[in-house]
Amino acid sequence: MAAFLPIIGVFALMWFLLIRPQQQRVRRHQAVVASLAVGDEVVTVGGICGRIVALDDELASVEVAPGVTLRVLRGAVNGRVPTPTAEPGDSSGSGELEA
C-alpha cells in the first residue's frame, strides 16, 4: 500500500498542474464562443482582428476592412478585443501621442 502513495501523489500533482488548468481554459473558450454577438470586436486564432457582422450556429462573418468579410468557424474566434477607453485627462480623442 505504501508503494502506491508516490504514484497517487504524482497523479494528483499532474492533475493540478496539467489537466485542471486545461479544462478551465476550454470552459472559458466555450463561454466566449457561446456569448458572441453581432458587433463584437474579435480576434481569431490566426491573429485576424475584425468586427462580427453576422452569426450562424457554426460560422461567424467577420469584417476585417470596409467591404472585406471573412467567414470563420465560431470556434476559431479566440476572444474579444478590449475596446480602448479615453483617459480622464484626454479631451482630444485622437489617440495620438503628444511630443
PDB file of N, CA and C in Angstrom:
ATOM      1  N   MET A   1       0.827  -1.204   0.000  1.00  0.00           N
ATOM      2  CA  MET A   1       0.000   0.000   0.000  1.00  0.00           C
ATOM      3  C   MET A   1       0.860   1.252   0.000  1.00  0.00           C
ATOM      4  N   ALA A   2       1.967   1.208   0.731  1.00  0.00           N
ATOM      5  CA  ALA A   2       2.839   2.377   0.811  1.00  0.00           C
ATOM      6  C   ALA A   2       3.507   2.657  -0.534  1.00  0.00           C
ATOM      7  N   ALA A   3       3.642   1.643  -1.387  1.00  0.00           N
ATOM      8  CA  ALA A   3       4.261   1.834  -2.694  1.00  0.00           C
ATOM      9  C   ALA A   3       3.343   2.619  -3.636  1.00  0.00           C
ATOM     10  N   PHE A   4       2.049   2.603  -3.377  1.00  0.00           N
ATOM     11  CA  PHE A   4       1.106   3.318  -4.235  1.00  0.00           C
ATOM     12  C   PHE A   4       1.012   4.806  -3.892  1.00  0.00           C
ATOM     13  N   LEU A   5       1.450   5.208  -2.720  1.00  0.00           N
ATOM     14  CA  LEU A   5       1.353   6.611  -2.323  1.00  0.00           C
ATOM     15  C   LEU A   5       2.121   7.548  -3.260  1.00  0.00           C
ATOM     16  N   PRO A   6       3.360   7.229  -3.656  1.00  0.00           N
ATOM     17  CA  PRO A   6       4.039   8.125  -4.603  1.00  0.00           C
ATOM     18  C   PRO A   6       3.320   8.207  -5.956  1.00  0.00           C
ATOM     19  N   ILE A   7       2.766   7.104  -6.421  1.00  0.00           N
ATOM     20  CA  ILE A   7       2.043   7.111  -7.689  1.00  0.00           C
ATOM     21  C   ILE A   7       0.800   7.984  -7.580  1.00  0.00           C
ATOM     22  N   ILE A   8       0.089   7.872  -6.482  1.00  0.00           N
ATOM     23  CA  ILE A   8      -1.098   8.704  -6.261  1.00  0.00           C
ATOM     24  C   ILE A   8      -0.694  10.170  -6.146  1.00  0.00           C
ATOM     25  N   GLY A   9       0.411  10.440  -5.487  1.00  0.00           N
ATOM     26  CA  GLY A   9       0.898  11.816  -5.359  1.00  0.00           C
ATOM     27  C   GLY A   9       1.283  12.410  -6.710  1.00  0.00           C
ATOM     28  N   VAL A  10       1.941  11.624  -7.560  1.00  0.00           N
ATOM     29  CA  VAL A  10       2.307  12.102  -8.890  1.00  0.00           C
ATOM     30  C   VAL A  10       1.057  12.373  -9.719  1.00  0.00           C
ATOM     31  N   PHE A  11       0.068  11.505  -9.642  1.00  0.00           N
ATOM     32  CA  PHE A  11      -1.176  11.729 -10.373  1.00  0.00           C
ATOM     33  C   PHE A  11      -1.872  12.997  -9.891  1.00  0.00           C
ATOM     34  N   ALA A  12      -1.910  13.203  -8.576  1.00  0.00           N
ATOM     35  CA  ALA A  12      -2.542  14.414  -8.030  1.00  0.00           C
ATOM     36  C   ALA A  12      -1.792  15.663  -8.496  1.00  0.00           C
ATOM     37  N   LEU A  13      -0.479  15.604  -8.523  1.00  0.00           N
ATOM     38  CA  LEU A  13       0.324  16.739  -8.987  1.00  0.00           C
ATOM     39  C   LEU A  13       0.064  17.015 -10.464  1.00  0.00           C
ATOM     40  N   MET A  14      -0.006  15.957 -11.269  1.00  0.00           N
ATOM     41  CA  MET A  14      -0.307  16.131 -12.692  1.00  0.00           C
ATOM     42  C   MET A  14      -1.700  16.727 -12.887  1.00  0.00           C
ATOM     43  N   TRP A  15      -2.640  16.302 -12.079  1.00  0.00           N
ATOM     44  CA  TRP A  15      -3.999  16.822 -12.175  1.00  0.00           C
ATOM     45  C   TRP A  15      -4.023  18.330 -11.947  1.00  0.00           C
ATOM     46  N   PHE A  16      -3.362  18.792 -10.891  1.00  0.00           N
ATOM     47  CA  PHE A  16      -3.408  20.214 -10.552  1.00  0.00           C
ATOM     48  C   PHE A  16      -2.512  21.070 -11.434  1.00  0.00           C
ATOM     49  N   LEU A  17      -1.474  20.502 -12.024  1.00  0.00           N
ATOM     50  CA  LEU A  17      -0.579  21.300 -12.857  1.00  0.00           C
ATOM     51  C   LEU A  17      -0.888  21.227 -14.348  1.00  0.00           C
ATOM     52  N   LEU A  18      -1.490  20.151 -14.825  1.00  0.00           N
ATOM     53  CA  LEU A  18      -1.711  19.986 -16.258  1.00  0.00           C
ATOM     54  C   LEU A  18      -3.179  19.882 -16.644  1.00  0.00           C
ATOM     55  N   ILE A  19      -3.893  18.959 -16.067  1.00  0.00           N
ATOM     56  CA  ILE A  19      -5.249  18.646 -16.524  1.00  0.00           C
ATOM     57  C   ILE A  19      -6.249  19.721 -16.122  1.00  0.00           C
ATOM     58  N   ARG A  20      -6.251  20.123 -14.885  1.00  0.00           N
ATOM     59  CA  ARG A  20      -7.235  21.095 -14.392  1.00  0.00           C
ATOM     60  C   ARG A  20      -7.119  22.454 -15.092  1.00  0.00           C
ATOM     61  N   PRO A  21      -5.921  23.033 -15.258  1.00  0.00           N
ATOM     62  CA  PRO A  21      -5.840  24.315 -15.977  1.00  0.00           C
ATOM     63  C   PRO A  21      -6.326  24.218 -17.426  1.00  0.00           C
ATOM     64  N   GLN A  22      -6.052  23.105 -18.093  1.00  0.00           N
ATOM     65  CA  GLN A  22      -6.517  22.935 -19.468  1.00  0.00           C
ATOM     66  C   GLN A  22      -8.040  22.868 -19.519  1.00  0.00           C
ATOM     67  N   GLN A  23      -8.666  22.179 -18.586  1.00  0.00           N
ATOM     68  CA  GLN A  23     -10.124  22.116 -18.544  1.00  0.00           C
ATOM     69  C   GLN A  23     -10.723  23.499 -18.312  1.00  0.00           C
ATOM     70  N   GLN A  24     -10.110  24.286 -17.438  1.00  0.00           N
ATOM     71  CA  GLN A  24     -10.603  25.637 -17.186  1.00  0.00           C
ATOM     72  C   GLN A  24     -10.458  26.516 -18.421  1.00  0.00           C
ATOM     73  N   ARG A  25      -9.348  26.377 -19.160  1.00  0.00           N
ATOM     74  CA  ARG A  25      -9.121  27.133 -20.379  1.00  0.00           C
ATOM     75  C   ARG A  25     -10.175  26.782 -21.430  1.00  0.00           C
ATOM     76  N   VAL A  26     -10.498  25.515 -21.564  1.00  0.00           N
ATOM     77  CA  VAL A  26     -11.516  25.076 -22.521  1.00  0.00           C
ATOM     78  C   VAL A  26     -12.881  25.639 -22.131  1.00  0.00           C
ATOM     79  N   ARG A  27     -13.213  25.619 -20.860  1.00  0.00           N
ATOM     80  CA  ARG A  27     -14.506  26.161 -20.407  1.00  0.00           C
ATOM     81  C   ARG A  27     -14.609  27.653 -20.697  1.00  0.00           C
ATOM     82  N   ARG A  28     -13.525  28.410 -20.460  1.00  0.00           N
ATOM     83  CA  ARG A  28     -13.544  29.851 -20.735  1.00  0.00           C
ATOM     84  C   ARG A  28     -13.726  30.109 -22.229  1.00  0.00           C
ATOM     85  N   HIS A  29     -13.044  29.319 -23.078  1.00  0.00           N
ATOM     86  CA  HIS A  29     -13.179  29.498 -24.517  1.00  0.00           C
ATOM     87  C   HIS A  29     -14.599  29.179 -24.975  1.00  0.00           C
ATOM     88  N   GLN A  30     -15.187  28.124 -24.448  1.00  0.00           N
ATOM     89  CA  GLN A  30     -16.564  27.781 -24.806  1.00  0.00           C
ATOM     90  C   GLN A  30     -17.528  28.880 -24.386  1.00  0.00           C
ATOM     91  N   ALA A  31     -17.288  29.510 -23.243  1.00  0.00           N
ATOM     92  CA  ALA A  31     -18.149  30.602 -22.784  1.00  0.00           C
ATOM     93  C   ALA A  31     -18.033  31.804 -23.713  1.00  0.00           C
ATOM     94  N   VAL A  32     -16.826  32.109 -24.166  1.00  0.00           N
ATOM     95  CA  VAL A  32     -16.635  33.235 -25.085  1.00  0.00           C
ATOM     96  C   VAL A  32     -17.337  32.957 -26.403  1.00  0.00           C
ATOM     97  N   VAL A  33     -17.168  31.761 -26.946  1.00  0.00           N
ATOM     98  CA  VAL A  33     -17.788  31.410 -28.227  1.00  0.00           C
ATOM     99  C   VAL A  33     -19.311  31.436 -28.108  1.00  0.00           C
ATOM    100  N   ALA A  34     -19.847  30.974 -27.003  1.00  0.00           N
ATOM    101  CA  ALA A  34     -21.301  30.955 -26.821  1.00  0.00           C
ATOM    102  C   ALA A  34     -21.880  32.358 -26.656  1.00  0.00           C
ATOM    103  N   SER A  35     -21.083  33.306 -26.170  1.00  0.00           N
ATOM    104  CA  SER A  35     -21.603  34.640 -25.895  1.00  0.00           C
ATOM    105  C   SER A  35     -21.295  35.647 -26.996  1.00  0.00           C
ATOM    106  N   LEU A  36     -20.832  35.190 -28.163  1.00  0.00           N
ATOM    107  CA  LEU A  36     -20.550  36.116 -29.260  1.00  0.00           C
ATOM    108  C   LEU A  36     -21.832  36.779 -29.739  1.00  0.00           C
ATOM    109  N   ALA A  37     -21.704  38.045 -30.137  1.00  0.00           N
ATOM    110  CA  ALA A  37     -22.849  38.788 -30.635  1.00  0.00           C
ATOM    111  C   ALA A  37     -22.400  39.645 -31.814  1.00  0.00           C
ATOM    112  N   VAL A  38     -23.352  40.004 -32.662  1.00  0.00           N
ATOM    113  CA  VAL A  38     -23.054  40.873 -33.791  1.00  0.00           C
ATOM    114  C   VAL A  38     -22.564  42.216 -33.254  1.00  0.00           C
ATOM    115  N   GLY A  39     -21.476  42.709 -33.829  1.00  0.00           N
ATOM    116  CA  GLY A  39     -20.904  43.977 -33.403  1.00  0.00           C
ATOM    117  C   GLY A  39     -19.702  43.830 -32.491  1.00  0.00           C
ATOM    118  N   ASP A  40     -19.425  42.630 -32.018  1.00  0.00           N
ATOM    119  CA  ASP A  40     -18.268  42.407 -31.150  1.00  0.00           C
ATOM    120  C   ASP A  40     -16.981  42.498 -31.957  1.00  0.00           C
ATOM    121  N   GLU A  41     -15.967  43.151 -31.397  1.00  0.00           N
ATOM    122  CA  GLU A  41     -14.621  43.166 -31.976  1.00  0.00           C
ATOM    123  C   GLU A  41     -13.931  41.912 -31.475  1.00  0.00           C
ATOM    124  N   VAL A  42     -13.446  41.072 -32.399  1.00  0.00           N
ATOM    125  CA  VAL A  42     -12.852  39.797 -32.018  1.00  0.00           C
ATOM    126  C   VAL A  42     -11.505  39.611 -32.695  1.00  0.00           C
ATOM    127  N   VAL A  43     -10.748  38.650 -32.161  1.00  0.00           N
ATOM    128  CA  VAL A  43      -9.507  38.203 -32.786  1.00  0.00           C
ATOM    129  C   VAL A  43      -9.611  36.696 -32.948  1.00  0.00           C
ATOM    130  N   THR A  44      -9.204  36.198 -34.130  1.00  0.00           N
ATOM    131  CA  THR A  44      -9.272  34.772 -34.394  1.00  0.00           C
ATOM    132  C   THR A  44      -7.994  34.100 -33.920  1.00  0.00           C
ATOM    133  N   VAL A  45      -7.981  32.773 -33.942  1.00  0.00           N
ATOM    134  CA  VAL A  45      -6.790  32.043 -33.534  1.00  0.00           C
ATOM    135  C   VAL A  45      -5.644  32.296 -34.505  1.00  0.00           C
ATOM    136  N   GLY A  46      -5.946  32.745 -35.722  1.00  0.00           N
ATOM    137  CA  GLY A  46      -4.915  33.087 -36.696  1.00  0.00           C
ATOM    138  C   GLY A  46      -4.391  34.496 -36.530  1.00  0.00           C
ATOM    139  N   GLY A  47      -4.965  35.255 -35.597  1.00  0.00           N
ATOM    140  CA  GLY A  47      -4.495  36.612 -35.331  1.00  0.00           C
ATOM    141  C   GLY A  47      -5.196  37.684 -36.142  1.00  0.00           C
ATOM    142  N   ILE A  48      -6.289  37.357 -36.805  1.00  0.00           N
ATOM    143  CA  ILE A  48      -7.028  38.326 -37.604  1.00  0.00           C
ATOM    144  C   ILE A  48      -8.039  39.037 -36.713  1.00  0.00           C
ATOM    145  N   CYS A  49      -7.999  40.362 -36.719  1.00  0.00           N
ATOM    146  CA  CYS A  49      -8.927  41.163 -35.916  1.00  0.00           C
ATOM    147  C   CYS A  49     -10.026  41.714 -36.807  1.00  0.00           C
ATOM    148  N   GLY A  50     -11.228  41.790 -36.276  1.00  0.00           N
ATOM    149  CA  GLY A  50     -12.340  42.344 -37.031  1.00  0.00           C
ATOM    150  C   GLY A  50     -13.594  42.422 -36.191  1.00  0.00           C
ATOM    151  N   ARG A  51     -14.676  42.868 -36.840  1.00  0.00           N
ATOM    152  CA  ARG A  51     -15.969  43.032 -36.165  1.00  0.00           C
ATOM    153  C   ARG A  51     -16.939  42.008 -36.736  1.00  0.00           C
ATOM    154  N   ILE A  52     -17.679  41.340 -35.859  1.00  0.00           N
ATOM    155  CA  ILE A  52     -18.669  40.348 -36.293  1.00  0.00           C
ATOM    156  C   ILE A  52     -19.851  41.080 -36.918  1.00  0.00           C
ATOM    157  N   VAL A  53     -20.193  40.684 -38.152  1.00  0.00           N
ATOM    158  CA  VAL A  53     -21.335  41.293 -38.845  1.00  0.00           C
ATOM    159  C   VAL A  53     -22.499  40.325 -38.980  1.00  0.00           C
ATOM    160  N   ALA A  54     -22.243  39.015 -38.866  1.00  0.00           N
ATOM    161  CA  ALA A  54     -23.319  38.022 -38.940  1.00  0.00           C
ATOM    162  C   ALA A  54     -22.877  36.774 -38.194  1.00  0.00           C
ATOM    163  N   LEU A  55     -23.852  36.112 -37.568  1.00  0.00           N
ATOM    164  CA  LEU A  55     -23.578  34.883 -36.829  1.00  0.00           C
ATOM    165  C   LEU A  55     -24.508  33.777 -37.282  1.00  0.00           C
ATOM    166  N   ASP A  56     -23.969  32.569 -37.289  1.00  0.00           N
ATOM    167  CA  ASP A  56     -24.723  31.366 -37.604  1.00  0.00           C
ATOM    168  C   ASP A  56     -24.436  30.384 -36.468  1.00  0.00           C
ATOM    169  N   ASP A  57     -25.026  29.202 -36.520  1.00  0.00           N
ATOM    170  CA  ASP A  57     -24.746  28.205 -35.499  1.00  0.00           C
ATOM    171  C   ASP A  57     -23.283  27.783 -35.514  1.00  0.00           C
ATOM    172  N   GLU A  58     -22.689  27.687 -36.703  1.00  0.00           N
ATOM    173  CA  GLU A  58     -21.313  27.219 -36.823  1.00  0.00           C
ATOM    174  C   GLU A  58     -20.352  28.278 -37.331  1.00  0.00           C
ATOM    175  N   LEU A  59     -20.852  29.296 -38.048  1.00  0.00           N
ATOM    176  CA  LEU A  59     -19.990  30.276 -38.692  1.00  0.00           C
ATOM    177  C   LEU A  59     -20.209  31.672 -38.153  1.00  0.00           C
ATOM    178  N   ALA A  60     -19.174  32.490 -38.283  1.00  0.00           N
ATOM    179  CA  ALA A  60     -19.259  33.911 -37.966  1.00  0.00           C
ATOM    180  C   ALA A  60     -18.672  34.671 -39.142  1.00  0.00           C
ATOM    181  N   SER A  61     -19.343  35.722 -39.587  1.00  0.00           N
ATOM    182  CA  SER A  61     -18.811  36.584 -40.636  1.00  0.00           C
ATOM    183  C   SER A  61     -18.135  37.754 -39.958  1.00  0.00           C
ATOM    184  N   VAL A  62     -16.837  37.897 -40.223  1.00  0.00           N
ATOM    185  CA  VAL A  62     -16.033  38.922 -39.565  1.00  0.00           C
ATOM    186  C   VAL A  62     -15.574  39.933 -40.615  1.00  0.00           C
ATOM    187  N   GLU A  63     -15.913  41.198 -40.414  1.00  0.00           N
ATOM    188  CA  GLU A  63     -15.484  42.255 -41.320  1.00  0.00           C
ATOM    189  C   GLU A  63     -14.117  42.750 -40.847  1.00  0.00           C
ATOM    190  N   VAL A  64     -13.105  42.562 -41.703  1.00  0.00           N
ATOM    191  CA  VAL A  64     -11.737  42.924 -41.337  1.00  0.00           C
ATOM    192  C   VAL A  64     -11.333  44.265 -41.915  1.00  0.00           C
ATOM    193  N   ALA A  65     -12.029  44.725 -42.932  1.00  0.00           N
ATOM    194  CA  ALA A  65     -11.824  46.034 -43.543  1.00  0.00           C
ATOM    195  C   ALA A  65     -13.150  46.412 -44.196  1.00  0.00           C
ATOM    196  N   PRO A  66     -13.345  47.679 -44.509  1.00  0.00           N
ATOM    197  CA  PRO A  66     -14.607  48.051 -45.158  1.00  0.00           C
ATOM    198  C   PRO A  66     -14.810  47.272 -46.454  1.00  0.00           C
ATOM    199  N   GLY A  67     -15.876  46.496 -46.501  1.00  0.00           N
ATOM    200  CA  GLY A  67     -16.199  45.709 -47.674  1.00  0.00           C
ATOM    201  C   GLY A  67     -15.519  44.354 -47.753  1.00  0.00           C
ATOM    202  N   VAL A  68     -14.691  44.005 -46.769  1.00  0.00           N
ATOM    203  CA  VAL A  68     -13.988  42.719 -46.761  1.00  0.00           C
ATOM    204  C   VAL A  68     -14.499  41.900 -45.588  1.00  0.00           C
ATOM    205  N   THR A  69     -15.194  40.807 -45.906  1.00  0.00           N
ATOM    206  CA  THR A  69     -15.775  39.962 -44.864  1.00  0.00           C
ATOM    207  C   THR A  69     -15.231  38.550 -44.999  1.00  0.00           C
ATOM    208  N   LEU A  70     -14.785  37.993 -43.876  1.00  0.00           N
ATOM    209  CA  LEU A  70     -14.299  36.619 -43.828  1.00  0.00           C
ATOM    210  C   LEU A  70     -15.296  35.761 -43.073  1.00  0.00           C
ATOM    211  N   ARG A  71     -15.501  34.546 -43.558  1.00  0.00           N
ATOM    212  CA  ARG A  71     -16.329  33.589 -42.829  1.00  0.00           C
ATOM    213  C   ARG A  71     -15.400  32.668 -42.067  1.00  0.00           C
ATOM    214  N   VAL A  72     -15.559  32.606 -40.762  1.00  0.00           N
ATOM    215  CA  VAL A  72     -14.720  31.749 -39.925  1.00  0.00           C
ATOM    216  C   VAL A  72     -15.615  30.898 -39.036  1.00  0.00           C
ATOM    217  N   LEU A  73     -15.107  29.773 -38.612  1.00  0.00           N
ATOM    218  CA  LEU A  73     -15.837  28.956 -37.648  1.00  0.00           C
ATOM    219  C   LEU A  73     -15.917  29.693 -36.325  1.00  0.00           C
ATOM    220  N   ARG A  74     -17.025  29.519 -35.634  1.00  0.00           N
ATOM    221  CA  ARG A  74     -17.160  30.189 -34.328  1.00  0.00           C
ATOM    222  C   ARG A  74     -16.056  29.760 -33.369  1.00  0.00           C
ATOM    223  N   GLY A  75     -15.651  28.506 -33.450  1.00  0.00           N
ATOM    224  CA  GLY A  75     -14.590  28.009 -32.582  1.00  0.00           C
ATOM    225  C   GLY A  75     -13.235  28.616 -32.882  1.00  0.00           C
ATOM    226  N   ALA A  76     -13.084  29.225 -34.068  1.00  0.00           N
ATOM    227  CA  ALA A  76     -11.818  29.859 -34.438  1.00  0.00           C
ATOM    228  C   ALA A  76     -11.682  31.252 -33.842  1.00  0.00           C
ATOM    229  N   VAL A  77     -12.736  31.744 -33.209  1.00  0.00           N
ATOM    230  CA  VAL A  77     -12.645  33.039 -32.532  1.00  0.00           C
ATOM    231  C   VAL A  77     -11.943  32.817 -31.206  1.00  0.00           C
ATOM    232  N   ASN A  78     -10.818  33.488 -31.043  1.00  0.00           N
ATOM    233  CA  ASN A  78     -10.005  33.300 -29.847  1.00  0.00           C
ATOM    234  C   ASN A  78     -10.502  34.142 -28.679  1.00  0.00           C
ATOM    235  N   GLY A  79     -11.016  35.307 -28.956  1.00  0.00           N
ATOM    236  CA  GLY A  79     -11.511  36.149 -27.873  1.00  0.00           C
ATOM    237  C   GLY A  79     -11.940  37.506 -28.384  1.00  0.00           C
ATOM    238  N   ARG A  80     -12.435  38.324 -27.482  1.00  0.00           N
ATOM    239  CA  ARG A  80     -12.842  39.685 -27.813  1.00  0.00           C
ATOM    240  C   ARG A  80     -11.643  40.624 -27.679  1.00  0.00           C
ATOM    241  N   VAL A  81     -11.659  41.664 -28.493  1.00  0.00           N
ATOM    242  CA  VAL A  81     -10.640  42.703 -28.391  1.00  0.00           C
ATOM    243  C   VAL A  81     -11.195  43.758 -27.447  1.00  0.00           C
ATOM    244  N   PRO A  82     -10.466  44.092 -26.391  1.00  0.00           N
ATOM    245  CA  PRO A  82     -10.988  45.117 -25.479  1.00  0.00           C
ATOM    246  C   PRO A  82     -11.074  46.466 -26.182  1.00  0.00           C
ATOM    247  N   THR A  83     -12.182  47.167 -25.973  1.00  0.00           N
ATOM    248  CA  THR A  83     -12.348  48.477 -26.595  1.00  0.00           C
ATOM    249  C   THR A  83     -11.520  49.502 -25.835  1.00  0.00           C
ATOM    250  N   PRO A  84     -10.767  50.328 -26.553  1.00  0.00           N
ATOM    251  CA  PRO A  84      -9.934  51.326 -25.869  1.00  0.00           C
ATOM    252  C   PRO A  84     -10.818  52.393 -25.237  1.00  0.00           C
ATOM    253  N   THR A  85     -10.422  52.811 -24.062  1.00  0.00           N
ATOM    254  CA  THR A  85     -11.165  53.853 -23.368  1.00  0.00           C
ATOM    255  C   THR A  85     -10.294  55.094 -23.290  1.00  0.00           C
ATOM    256  N   ALA A  86     -10.929  56.251 -23.357  1.00  0.00           N
ATOM    257  CA  ALA A  86     -10.187  57.514 -23.275  1.00  0.00           C
ATOM    258  C   ALA A  86      -9.720  57.733 -21.844  1.00  0.00           C
ATOM    259  N   GLU A  87      -8.529  58.277 -21.711  1.00  0.00           N
ATOM    260  CA  GLU A  87      -8.014  58.582 -20.377  1.00  0.00           C
ATOM    261  C   GLU A  87      -8.708  59.818 -19.849  1.00  0.00           C
ATOM    262  N   PRO A  88      -8.807  59.968 -18.518  1.00  0.00           N
ATOM    263  CA  PRO A  88      -9.574  61.077 -17.939  1.00  0.00           C
ATOM    264  C   PRO A  88      -9.094  62.456 -18.399  1.00  0.00           C
ATOM    265  N   GLY A  89      -7.801  62.662 -18.606  1.00  0.00           N
ATOM    266  CA  GLY A  89      -7.297  63.986 -18.988  1.00  0.00           C
ATOM    267  C   GLY A  89      -7.259  64.198 -20.481  1.00  0.00           C
ATOM    268  N   ASP A  90      -7.614  63.203 -21.274  1.00  0.00           N
ATOM    269  CA  ASP A  90      -7.515  63.291 -22.726  1.00  0.00           C
ATOM    270  C   ASP A  90      -8.823  63.807 -23.304  1.00  0.00           C
ATOM    271  N   SER A  91      -8.813  65.038 -23.821  1.00  0.00           N
ATOM    272  CA  SER A  91     -10.021  65.590 -24.411  1.00  0.00           C
ATOM    273  C   SER A  91      -9.943  65.598 -25.928  1.00  0.00           C
ATOM    274  N   SER A  92      -8.756  65.289 -26.483  1.00  0.00           N
ATOM    275  CA  SER A  92      -8.601  65.339 -27.938  1.00  0.00           C
ATOM    276  C   SER A  92      -9.293  64.162 -28.607  1.00  0.00           C
ATOM    277  N   GLY A  93      -9.200  62.956 -28.006  1.00  0.00           N
ATOM    278  CA  GLY A  93      -9.848  61.795 -28.574  1.00  0.00           C
ATOM    279  C   GLY A  93      -9.150  61.271 -29.808  1.00  0.00           C
ATOM    280  N   SER A  94      -8.002  61.857 -30.180  1.00  0.00           N
ATOM    281  CA  SER A  94      -7.321  61.404 -31.386  1.00  0.00           C
ATOM    282  C   SER A  94      -6.500  60.160 -31.147  1.00  0.00           C
ATOM    283  N   GLY A  95      -6.082  59.911 -29.924  1.00  0.00           N
ATOM    284  CA  GLY A  95      -5.299  58.738 -29.612  1.00  0.00           C
ATOM    285  C   GLY A  95      -3.823  58.867 -29.965  1.00  0.00           C
ATOM    286  N   GLU A  96      -3.409  60.067 -30.441  1.00  0.00           N
ATOM    287  CA  GLU A  96      -2.010  60.271 -30.805  1.00  0.00           C
ATOM    288  C   GLU A  96      -1.218  60.710 -29.592  1.00  0.00           C
ATOM    289  N   LEU A  97       0.040  60.323 -29.596  1.00  0.00           N
ATOM    290  CA  LEU A  97       0.923  60.730 -28.522  1.00  0.00           C
ATOM    291  C   LEU A  97       1.413  62.132 -28.742  1.00  0.00           C
ATOM    292  N   GLU A  98       1.496  62.887 -27.661  1.00  0.00           N
ATOM    293  CA  GLU A  98       1.995  64.253 -27.761  1.00  0.00           C
ATOM    294  C   GLU A  98       3.492  64.261 -27.577  1.00  0.00           C
ATOM    295  N   ALA A  99       4.170  65.115 -28.299  1.00  0.00           N
ATOM    296  CA  ALA A  99       5.650  65.178 -28.215  1.00  0.00           C
ATOM    297  C   ALA A  99       6.102  66.090 -27.118  1.00  0.00           C
TER     298      ALA A  99
END
